[in-house]
Amino acid sequence: MPKIPGISQKDAVRVLMKAGFVIARQSKHIIMRKGDMAVQIPRHTEINASTMGGIAKTAGLSPEQFRELL
């Protein structure tokens, strides 16, 4: 089982907003910022587990922290 599950892009945005990120802009990707940190979320219906793991790592979230915010 992957450490971080694949989820929808809406759920990914919701989790990052709980972690303190805000939407900076939207186009083919959603760009979210928290201070100097920025993450990109693809506008796919479903984001696979490996991509979501990379997004969480970039956001500075451990798999446990990410699952708690789900």
PDB file of N, CA and C in Angstrom:
ATOM      1  N   MET A   1       0.844  -1.184   0.000  1.00  0.00           N
ATOM      2  CA  MET A   1       0.000   0.000   0.000  1.00  0.00           C
ATOM      3  C   MET A   1       0.890   1.249   0.000  1.00  0.00           C
ATOM      4  N   PRO A   2       0.588   2.227  -0.859  1.00  0.00           N
ATOM      5  CA  PRO A   2       1.400   3.446  -0.871  1.00  0.00           C
ATOM      6  C   PRO A   2       1.262   4.206   0.441  1.00  0.00           C
ATOM      7  N   LYS A   3       2.306   4.965   0.764  1.00  0.00           N
ATOM      8  CA  LYS A   3       2.264   5.746   2.005  1.00  0.00           C
ATOM      9  C   LYS A   3       1.226   6.851   1.914  1.00  0.00           C
ATOM     10  N   ILE A   4       1.069   7.435   0.730  1.00  0.00           N
ATOM     11  CA  ILE A   4       0.078   8.486   0.508  1.00  0.00           C
ATOM     12  C   ILE A   4      -0.848   7.996  -0.597  1.00  0.00           C
ATOM     13  N   PRO A   5      -2.158   8.059  -0.397  1.00  0.00           N
ATOM     14  CA  PRO A   5      -3.080   7.551  -1.412  1.00  0.00           C
ATOM     15  C   PRO A   5      -3.230   8.528  -2.576  1.00  0.00           C
ATOM     16  N   GLY A   6      -3.703   8.012  -3.712  1.00  0.00           N
ATOM     17  CA  GLY A   6      -4.089   8.861  -4.818  1.00  0.00           C
ATOM     18  C   GLY A   6      -5.433   9.491  -4.474  1.00  0.00           C
ATOM     19  N   ILE A   7      -5.573  10.774  -4.707  1.00  0.00           N
ATOM     20  CA  ILE A   7      -6.816  11.470  -4.357  1.00  0.00           C
ATOM     21  C   ILE A   7      -7.211  12.428  -5.480  1.00  0.00           C
ATOM     22  N   SER A   8      -8.390  13.002  -5.376  1.00  0.00           N
ATOM     23  CA  SER A   8      -8.833  13.975  -6.376  1.00  0.00           C
ATOM     24  C   SER A   8      -8.110  15.295  -6.173  1.00  0.00           C
ATOM     25  N   GLN A   9      -8.086  16.119  -7.208  1.00  0.00           N
ATOM     26  CA  GLN A   9      -7.398  17.413  -7.086  1.00  0.00           C
ATOM     27  C   GLN A   9      -8.116  18.319  -6.102  1.00  0.00           C
ATOM     28  N   LYS A  10      -9.431  18.189  -5.963  1.00  0.00           N
ATOM     29  CA  LYS A  10     -10.169  18.999  -4.982  1.00  0.00           C
ATOM     30  C   LYS A  10      -9.757  18.632  -3.558  1.00  0.00           C
ATOM     31  N   ASP A  11      -9.573  17.329  -3.307  1.00  0.00           N
ATOM     32  CA  ASP A  11      -9.127  16.887  -1.982  1.00  0.00           C
ATOM     33  C   ASP A  11      -7.697  17.356  -1.713  1.00  0.00           C
ATOM     34  N   ALA A  12      -6.849  17.334  -2.744  1.00  0.00           N
ATOM     35  CA  ALA A  12      -5.470  17.793  -2.579  1.00  0.00           C
ATOM     36  C   ALA A  12      -5.437  19.271  -2.196  1.00  0.00           C
ATOM     37  N   VAL A  13      -6.262  20.075  -2.858  1.00  0.00           N
ATOM     38  CA  VAL A  13      -6.331  21.510  -2.542  1.00  0.00           C
ATOM     39  C   VAL A  13      -6.828  21.692  -1.109  1.00  0.00           C
ATOM     40  N   ARG A  14      -7.840  20.931  -0.720  1.00  0.00           N
ATOM     41  CA  ARG A  14      -8.407  21.039   0.635  1.00  0.00           C
ATOM     42  C   ARG A  14      -7.361  20.691   1.692  1.00  0.00           C
ATOM     43  N   VAL A  15      -6.584  19.632   1.467  1.00  0.00           N
ATOM     44  CA  VAL A  15      -5.546  19.220   2.425  1.00  0.00           C
ATOM     45  C   VAL A  15      -4.483  20.307   2.564  1.00  0.00           C
ATOM     46  N   LEU A  16      -4.037  20.854   1.440  1.00  0.00           N
ATOM     47  CA  LEU A  16      -3.004  21.885   1.497  1.00  0.00           C
ATOM     48  C   LEU A  16      -3.532  23.175   2.126  1.00  0.00           C
ATOM     49  N   MET A  17      -4.806  23.480   1.929  1.00  0.00           N
ATOM     50  CA  MET A  17      -5.376  24.662   2.583  1.00  0.00           C
ATOM     51  C   MET A  17      -5.403  24.469   4.103  1.00  0.00           C
ATOM     52  N   LYS A  18      -5.691  23.250   4.553  1.00  0.00           N
ATOM     53  CA  LYS A  18      -5.640  22.959   5.988  1.00  0.00           C
ATOM     54  C   LYS A  18      -4.224  23.114   6.532  1.00  0.00           C
ATOM     55  N   ALA A  19      -3.224  22.869   5.667  1.00  0.00           N
ATOM     56  CA  ALA A  19      -1.824  22.982   6.075  1.00  0.00           C
ATOM     57  C   ALA A  19      -1.317  24.420   5.986  1.00  0.00           C
ATOM     58  N   GLY A  20      -2.188  25.358   5.580  1.00  0.00           N
ATOM     59  CA  GLY A  20      -1.802  26.765   5.562  1.00  0.00           C
ATOM     60  C   GLY A  20      -1.475  27.339   4.200  1.00  0.00           C
ATOM     61  N   PHE A  21      -1.640  26.575   3.139  1.00  0.00           N
ATOM     62  CA  PHE A  21      -1.371  27.064   1.792  1.00  0.00           C
ATOM     63  C   PHE A  21      -2.594  27.820   1.274  1.00  0.00           C
ATOM     64  N   VAL A  22      -2.357  28.758   0.372  1.00  0.00           N
ATOM     65  CA  VAL A  22      -3.438  29.493  -0.292  1.00  0.00           C
ATOM     66  C   VAL A  22      -3.239  29.392  -1.804  1.00  0.00           C
ATOM     67  N   ILE A  23      -4.323  29.486  -2.537  1.00  0.00           N
ATOM     68  CA  ILE A  23      -4.250  29.415  -3.996  1.00  0.00           C
ATOM     69  C   ILE A  23      -3.692  30.736  -4.518  1.00  0.00           C
ATOM     70  N   ALA A  24      -2.582  30.646  -5.242  1.00  0.00           N
ATOM     71  CA  ALA A  24      -1.949  31.833  -5.815  1.00  0.00           C
ATOM     72  C   ALA A  24      -2.493  32.105  -7.216  1.00  0.00           C
ATOM     73  N   ARG A  25      -2.623  31.037  -8.017  1.00  0.00           N
ATOM     74  CA  ARG A  25      -3.202  31.177  -9.349  1.00  0.00           C
ATOM     75  C   ARG A  25      -3.634  29.816  -9.873  1.00  0.00           C
ATOM     76  N   GLN A  26      -4.458  29.853 -10.924  1.00  0.00           N
ATOM     77  CA  GLN A  26      -4.972  28.627 -11.510  1.00  0.00           C
ATOM     78  C   GLN A  26      -4.926  28.718 -13.026  1.00  0.00           C
ATOM     79  N   SER A  27      -4.477  27.652 -13.655  1.00  0.00           N
ATOM     80  CA  SER A  27      -4.537  27.505 -15.101  1.00  0.00           C
ATOM     81  C   SER A  27      -4.596  26.002 -15.360  1.00  0.00           C
ATOM     82  N   LYS A  28      -3.619  25.438 -16.057  1.00  0.00           N
ATOM     83  CA  LYS A  28      -3.589  23.989 -16.230  1.00  0.00           C
ATOM     84  C   LYS A  28      -3.182  23.290 -14.933  1.00  0.00           C
ATOM     85  N   HIS A  29      -2.534  24.041 -14.061  1.00  0.00           N
ATOM     86  CA  HIS A  29      -2.178  23.566 -12.728  1.00  0.00           C
ATOM     87  C   HIS A  29      -2.684  24.581 -11.715  1.00  0.00           C
ATOM     88  N   ILE A  30      -2.884  24.125 -10.499  1.00  0.00           N
ATOM     89  CA  ILE A  30      -3.221  25.031  -9.404  1.00  0.00           C
ATOM     90  C   ILE A  30      -1.927  25.286  -8.645  1.00  0.00           C
ATOM     91  N   ILE A  31      -1.547  26.530  -8.510  1.00  0.00           N
ATOM     92  CA  ILE A  31      -0.332  26.901  -7.791  1.00  0.00           C
ATOM     93  C   ILE A  31      -0.754  27.379  -6.413  1.00  0.00           C
ATOM     94  N   MET A  32      -0.208  26.741  -5.388  1.00  0.00           N
ATOM     95  CA  MET A  32      -0.523  27.118  -4.011  1.00  0.00           C
ATOM     96  C   MET A  32       0.755  27.560  -3.318  1.00  0.00           C
ATOM     97  N   ARG A  33       0.642  28.583  -2.473  1.00  0.00           N
ATOM     98  CA  ARG A  33       1.806  29.148  -1.784  1.00  0.00           C
ATOM     99  C   ARG A  33       1.583  29.210  -0.278  1.00  0.00           C
ATOM    100  N   LYS A  34       2.711  29.094   0.412  1.00  0.00           N
ATOM    101  CA  LYS A  34       2.759  29.289   1.862  1.00  0.00           C
ATOM    102  C   LYS A  34       4.131  29.898   2.128  1.00  0.00           C
ATOM    103  N   GLY A  35       4.158  31.209   2.342  1.00  0.00           N
ATOM    104  CA  GLY A  35       5.432  31.898   2.501  1.00  0.00           C
ATOM    105  C   GLY A  35       6.234  31.810   1.219  1.00  0.00           C
ATOM    106  N   ASP A  36       7.463  31.305   1.303  1.00  0.00           N
ATOM    107  CA  ASP A  36       8.320  31.151   0.127  1.00  0.00           C
ATOM    108  C   ASP A  36       8.096  29.824  -0.591  1.00  0.00           C
ATOM    109  N   MET A  37       7.310  28.939   0.002  1.00  0.00           N
ATOM    110  CA  MET A  37       7.087  27.615  -0.547  1.00  0.00           C
ATOM    111  C   MET A  37       5.949  27.646  -1.564  1.00  0.00           C
ATOM    112  N   ALA A  38       6.109  26.961  -2.681  1.00  0.00           N
ATOM    113  CA  ALA A  38       5.058  26.870  -3.694  1.00  0.00           C
ATOM    114  C   ALA A  38       4.946  25.425  -4.173  1.00  0.00           C
ATOM    115  N   VAL A  39       3.724  24.965  -4.372  1.00  0.00           N
ATOM    116  CA  VAL A  39       3.477  23.625  -4.905  1.00  0.00           C
ATOM    117  C   VAL A  39       2.517  23.725  -6.080  1.00  0.00           C
ATOM    118  N   GLN A  40       2.657  22.795  -7.016  1.00  0.00           N
ATOM    119  CA  GLN A  40       1.783  22.727  -8.182  1.00  0.00           C
ATOM    120  C   GLN A  40       0.910  21.497  -8.070  1.00  0.00           C
ATOM    121  N   ILE A  41      -0.375  21.670  -8.301  1.00  0.00           N
ATOM    122  CA  ILE A  41      -1.304  20.548  -8.298  1.00  0.00           C
ATOM    123  C   ILE A  41      -1.900  20.452  -9.698  1.00  0.00           C
ATOM    124  N   PRO A  42      -1.721  19.313 -10.377  1.00  0.00           N
ATOM    125  CA  PRO A  42      -2.295  19.181 -11.716  1.00  0.00           C
ATOM    126  C   PRO A  42      -3.817  19.137 -11.649  1.00  0.00           C
ATOM    127  N   ARG A  43      -4.457  19.656 -12.658  1.00  0.00           N
ATOM    128  CA  ARG A  43      -5.917  19.660 -12.723  1.00  0.00           C
ATOM    129  C   ARG A  43      -6.393  18.353 -13.360  1.00  0.00           C
ATOM    130  N   HIS A  44      -6.134  17.242 -12.709  1.00  0.00           N
ATOM    131  CA  HIS A  44      -6.622  15.939 -13.146  1.00  0.00           C
ATOM    132  C   HIS A  44      -7.762  15.539 -12.225  1.00  0.00           C
ATOM    133  N   THR A  45      -8.653  14.746 -12.743  1.00  0.00           N
ATOM    134  CA  THR A  45      -9.745  14.260 -11.907  1.00  0.00           C
ATOM    135  C   THR A  45      -9.177  13.473 -10.729  1.00  0.00           C
ATOM    136  N   GLU A  46      -8.208  12.627 -11.002  1.00  0.00           N
ATOM    137  CA  GLU A  46      -7.562  11.808  -9.971  1.00  0.00           C
ATOM    138  C   GLU A  46      -6.053  11.990 -10.077  1.00  0.00           C
ATOM    139  N   ILE A  47      -5.408  12.285  -8.960  1.00  0.00           N
ATOM    140  CA  ILE A  47      -3.954  12.410  -8.914  1.00  0.00           C
ATOM    141  C   ILE A  47      -3.411  11.115  -8.332  1.00  0.00           C
ATOM    142  N   ASN A  48      -2.499  10.448  -9.046  1.00  0.00           N
ATOM    143  CA  ASN A  48      -2.015   9.152  -8.567  1.00  0.00           C
ATOM    144  C   ASN A  48      -1.148   9.300  -7.315  1.00  0.00           C
ATOM    145  N   ALA A  49      -0.902   8.188  -6.663  1.00  0.00           N
ATOM    146  CA  ALA A  49      -0.220   8.177  -5.369  1.00  0.00           C
ATOM    147  C   ALA A  49       1.214   8.707  -5.459  1.00  0.00           C
ATOM    148  N   SER A  50       1.947   8.362  -6.521  1.00  0.00           N
ATOM    149  CA  SER A  50       3.340   8.810  -6.598  1.00  0.00           C
ATOM    150  C   SER A  50       3.417  10.324  -6.817  1.00  0.00           C
ATOM    151  N   THR A  51       2.539  10.874  -7.629  1.00  0.00           N
ATOM    152  CA  THR A  51       2.506  12.326  -7.832  1.00  0.00           C
ATOM    153  C   THR A  51       2.108  13.029  -6.547  1.00  0.00           C
ATOM    154  N   MET A  52       1.113  12.495  -5.863  1.00  0.00           N
ATOM    155  CA  MET A  52       0.647  13.096  -4.613  1.00  0.00           C
ATOM    156  C   MET A  52       1.734  13.031  -3.551  1.00  0.00           C
ATOM    157  N   GLY A  53       2.523  11.967  -3.550  1.00  0.00           N
ATOM    158  CA  GLY A  53       3.642  11.864  -2.613  1.00  0.00           C
ATOM    159  C   GLY A  53       4.674  12.950  -2.856  1.00  0.00           C
ATOM    160  N   GLY A  54       4.957  13.242  -4.130  1.00  0.00           N
ATOM    161  CA  GLY A  54       5.891  14.312  -4.468  1.00  0.00           C
ATOM    162  C   GLY A  54       5.369  15.683  -4.064  1.00  0.00           C
ATOM    163  N   ILE A  55       4.065  15.895  -4.251  1.00  0.00           N
ATOM    164  CA  ILE A  55       3.455  17.170  -3.863  1.00  0.00           C
ATOM    165  C   ILE A  55       3.540  17.346  -2.348  1.00  0.00           C
ATOM    166  N   ALA A  56       3.223  16.296  -1.609  1.00  0.00           N
ATOM    167  CA  ALA A  56       3.282  16.370  -0.142  1.00  0.00           C
ATOM    168  C   ALA A  56       4.709  16.629   0.336  1.00  0.00           C
ATOM    169  N   LYS A  57       5.682  15.980  -0.296  1.00  0.00           N
ATOM    170  CA  LYS A  57       7.088  16.181   0.080  1.00  0.00           C
ATOM    171  C   LYS A  57       7.514  17.617  -0.180  1.00  0.00           C
ATOM    172  N   THR A  58       7.124  18.170  -1.334  1.00  0.00           N
ATOM    173  CA  THR A  58       7.435  19.554  -1.660  1.00  0.00           C
ATOM    174  C   THR A  58       6.797  20.502  -0.653  1.00  0.00           C
ATOM    175  N   ALA A  59       5.600  20.145  -0.190  1.00  0.00           N
ATOM    176  CA  ALA A  59       4.884  20.980   0.775  1.00  0.00           C
ATOM    177  C   ALA A  59       5.435  20.828   2.189  1.00  0.00           C
ATOM    178  N   GLY A  60       6.373  19.896   2.388  1.00  0.00           N
ATOM    179  CA  GLY A  60       6.970  19.708   3.708  1.00  0.00           C
ATOM    180  C   GLY A  60       6.118  18.869   4.639  1.00  0.00           C
ATOM    181  N   LEU A  61       5.228  18.041   4.070  1.00  0.00           N
ATOM    182  CA  LEU A  61       4.359  17.185   4.887  1.00  0.00           C
ATOM    183  C   LEU A  61       4.854  15.745   4.848  1.00  0.00           C
ATOM    184  N   SER A  62       4.906  15.114   6.002  1.00  0.00           N
ATOM    185  CA  SER A  62       5.226  13.689   6.055  1.00  0.00           C
ATOM    186  C   SER A  62       3.967  12.917   5.656  1.00  0.00           C
ATOM    187  N   PRO A  63       4.107  11.636   5.287  1.00  0.00           N
ATOM    188  CA  PRO A  63       2.916  10.854   4.953  1.00  0.00           C
ATOM    189  C   PRO A  63       1.895  10.812   6.102  1.00  0.00           C
ATOM    190  N   GLU A  64       2.382  10.765   7.337  1.00  0.00           N
ATOM    191  CA  GLU A  64       1.476  10.735   8.490  1.00  0.00           C
ATOM    192  C   GLU A  64       0.712  12.058   8.623  1.00  0.00           C
ATOM    193  N   GLN A  65       1.430  13.175   8.466  1.00  0.00           N
ATOM    194  CA  GLN A  65       0.775  14.483   8.544  1.00  0.00           C
ATOM    195  C   GLN A  65      -0.250  14.629   7.418  1.00  0.00           C
ATOM    196  N   PHE A  66       0.091  14.173   6.237  1.00  0.00           N
ATOM    197  CA  PHE A  66      -0.808  14.274   5.112  1.00  0.00           C
ATOM    198  C   PHE A  66      -2.091  13.482   5.363  1.00  0.00           C
ATOM    199  N   ARG A  67      -1.954  12.248   5.835  1.00  0.00           N
ATOM    200  CA  ARG A  67      -3.131  11.420   6.116  1.00  0.00           C
ATOM    201  C   ARG A  67      -4.007  12.000   7.203  1.00  0.00           C
ATOM    202  N   GLU A  68      -3.396  12.653   8.208  1.00  0.00           N
ATOM    203  CA  GLU A  68      -4.172  13.294   9.273  1.00  0.00           C
ATOM    204  C   GLU A  68      -5.032  14.425   8.718  1.00  0.00           C
ATOM    205  N   LEU A  69      -4.519  15.149   7.714  1.00  0.00           N
ATOM    206  CA  LEU A  69      -5.242  16.281   7.147  1.00  0.00           C
ATOM    207  C   LEU A  69      -6.342  15.861   6.177  1.00  0.00           C
ATOM    208  N   LEU A  70      -6.286  14.596   5.713  1.00  0.00           N
ATOM    209  CA  LEU A  70      -7.323  14.119   4.789  1.00  0.00           C
ATOM    210  C   LEU A  70      -8.652  14.119   5.423  1.00  0.00           C
TER     211      LEU A  70
END
